């Protein structure tokens, strides 16, 4: 069975990516791997960790309700989120990576975020980039 890997953050773009990844996993008959990656450091304290646990419990409940076979991967290890997403996709022989993109100003549209750009350029499989509504 194939794998669809999705980069998730508890923001509108992360929710859009998760929703699309659920649809893609169902369409392809694939398992879903949800990756939530943080660099850690001073900004990642107990409060942030507790909030992340709450957010990921909501993701788990959503996936259970959708009937999708899934695996949650939470990483706080100092790597860039793009590195984690790409390495997990490669390790799982993913057939698709789904990422969310933030809305940008007209000037900001000239440049993608560095993580999104890295995934789009370095991934070994197709990448589907979605925007939040």
Protein backbone atom coordinates (compact mmCIF):
# COMPACT_ATOMS: atom_id res chain seq x y z
CA UNK A 1 0.00 0.00 0.00
CA UNK A 2 1.28 3.47 -0.85
CA UNK A 3 1.86 6.39 1.47
CA UNK A 4 0.84 10.02 1.33
CA UNK A 5 2.94 12.28 3.56
CA UNK A 6 1.55 15.61 4.75
CA UNK A 7 3.28 18.45 6.55
CA UNK A 8 0.96 19.65 9.30
CA UNK A 9 0.96 22.83 11.38
CA UNK A 10 -2.07 23.92 13.45
CA UNK A 11 -2.82 26.86 11.17
CA UNK A 12 -5.24 27.33 8.25
CA UNK A 13 -2.62 26.21 5.71
CA UNK A 14 -1.92 23.09 7.76
CA UNK A 15 -5.61 22.27 7.96
CA UNK A 16 -5.97 22.74 4.20
CA UNK A 17 -3.01 20.42 3.60
CA UNK A 18 -4.45 17.81 5.98
CA UNK A 19 -7.89 17.92 4.34
CA UNK A 20 -6.36 17.50 0.87
CA UNK A 21 -4.05 14.72 2.09
CA UNK A 22 -7.06 12.84 3.50
CA UNK A 23 -8.77 13.10 0.11
CA UNK A 24 -5.63 11.96 -1.71
CA UNK A 25 -5.09 9.02 0.65
CA UNK A 26 -8.68 7.87 0.13
CA UNK A 27 -8.45 8.33 -3.65
CA UNK A 28 -5.20 6.36 -3.86
CA UNK A 29 -6.04 3.74 -1.22
CA UNK A 30 -2.91 4.88 0.60
CA UNK A 31 -1.90 5.24 4.23
CA UNK A 32 -1.36 8.74 5.55
CA UNK A 33 1.74 9.93 7.42
CA UNK A 34 1.19 13.24 9.22
CA UNK A 35 4.43 15.07 10.00
CA UNK A 36 4.59 17.90 12.53
CA UNK A 37 8.13 19.24 12.84
CA UNK A 38 9.56 21.90 15.16
CA UNK A 39 13.13 23.08 15.45
CA UNK A 40 12.82 23.34 19.22
CA UNK A 41 14.89 25.92 21.06
CA UNK A 42 13.88 28.69 23.44
CA UNK A 43 10.47 29.24 21.87
CA UNK A 44 9.45 25.63 22.42
CA UNK A 45 8.55 25.36 26.11
CA UNK A 46 6.16 23.21 28.15
CA UNK A 47 3.19 25.38 27.19
CA UNK A 48 3.98 24.97 23.48
CA UNK A 49 4.46 21.22 23.94
CA UNK A 50 1.12 20.91 25.78
CA UNK A 51 -0.66 22.89 23.05
CA UNK A 52 0.92 20.68 20.39
CA UNK A 53 -0.37 17.56 22.19
CA UNK A 54 -3.89 19.06 22.18
CA UNK A 55 -3.62 19.98 18.50
CA UNK A 56 -2.35 16.53 17.51
CA UNK A 57 -5.12 14.82 19.53
CA UNK A 58 -7.61 16.81 17.43
CA UNK A 59 -5.85 15.67 14.24
CA UNK A 60 -6.00 12.06 15.42
CA UNK A 61 -9.73 12.37 16.15
CA UNK A 62 -10.33 13.90 12.70
CA UNK A 63 -8.44 11.08 10.99
CA UNK A 64 -10.26 8.42 13.02
CA UNK A 65 -13.58 9.96 11.96
CA UNK A 66 -12.48 9.88 8.30
CA UNK A 67 -11.55 6.19 8.49
CA UNK A 68 -8.03 6.76 7.17
CA UNK A 69 -5.11 4.54 8.18
CA UNK A 70 -2.49 6.92 9.51
CA UNK A 71 0.67 7.49 11.49
CA UNK A 72 1.45 10.69 13.39
CA UNK A 73 5.08 11.84 13.50
CA UNK A 74 5.92 14.68 15.89
CA UNK A 75 9.52 15.82 15.66
CA UNK A 76 11.36 18.34 17.81
CA UNK A 77 14.99 17.78 16.99
CA UNK A 78 16.59 20.86 15.52
CA UNK A 79 16.15 20.14 11.82
CA UNK A 80 14.26 22.32 9.39
CA UNK A 81 10.69 21.10 8.79
CA UNK A 82 11.50 20.59 5.09
CA UNK A 83 14.35 18.22 5.97
CA UNK A 84 12.08 16.17 8.23
CA UNK A 85 9.28 16.02 5.67
CA UNK A 86 11.56 14.98 2.82
CA UNK A 87 13.40 12.34 4.86
CA UNK A 88 10.17 10.80 6.16
CA UNK A 89 8.73 10.74 2.64
CA UNK A 90 11.85 8.99 1.34
CA UNK A 91 11.94 6.50 4.23
CA UNK A 92 8.29 5.60 3.57
CA UNK A 93 8.61 5.52 -0.24
CA UNK A 94 5.83 8.08 -0.39
CA UNK A 95 3.94 8.50 -3.63
CA UNK A 96 2.90 12.06 -2.75
CA UNK A 97 3.76 14.88 -0.35
CA UNK A 98 1.10 17.47 0.52
CA UNK A 99 2.07 20.87 1.92
CA UNK A 100 0.10 24.00 2.74
CA UNK A 101 1.09 27.44 1.53
CA UNK A 102 0.33 30.75 3.24
CA UNK A 103 -1.45 33.50 1.40
CA UNK A 104 1.01 36.14 0.27
CA UNK A 105 0.91 39.77 -0.76
CA UNK A 106 1.54 40.46 -4.45
CA UNK A 107 5.21 41.14 -3.67
CA UNK A 108 5.42 38.08 -1.41
CA UNK A 109 4.13 35.88 -4.23
CA UNK A 110 7.45 36.33 -5.99
CA UNK A 111 9.14 34.26 -3.29
CA UNK A 112 7.84 31.05 -1.72
CA UNK A 113 8.63 30.23 1.87
CA UNK A 114 12.00 28.54 2.23
CA UNK A 115 10.50 25.29 3.57
CA UNK A 116 7.93 25.07 0.80
CA UNK A 117 10.55 25.85 -1.83
CA UNK A 118 12.92 23.23 -0.45
CA UNK A 119 10.23 20.54 -0.46
CA UNK A 120 9.15 21.42 -4.00
CA UNK A 121 12.72 21.32 -5.30
CA UNK A 122 14.21 18.43 -3.32
CA UNK A 123 11.41 15.89 -2.90
CA UNK A 124 11.82 12.54 -4.68
CA UNK A 125 8.08 12.28 -5.42
CA UNK A 126 5.31 14.62 -6.59
CA UNK A 127 4.37 17.48 -4.25
CA UNK A 128 0.89 18.94 -4.01
CA UNK A 129 0.85 22.47 -2.59
CA UNK A 130 -2.50 23.81 -1.40
CA UNK A 131 -3.65 27.18 -0.07
CA UNK A 132 -6.09 27.75 2.77
CA UNK A 133 -9.50 29.20 1.86
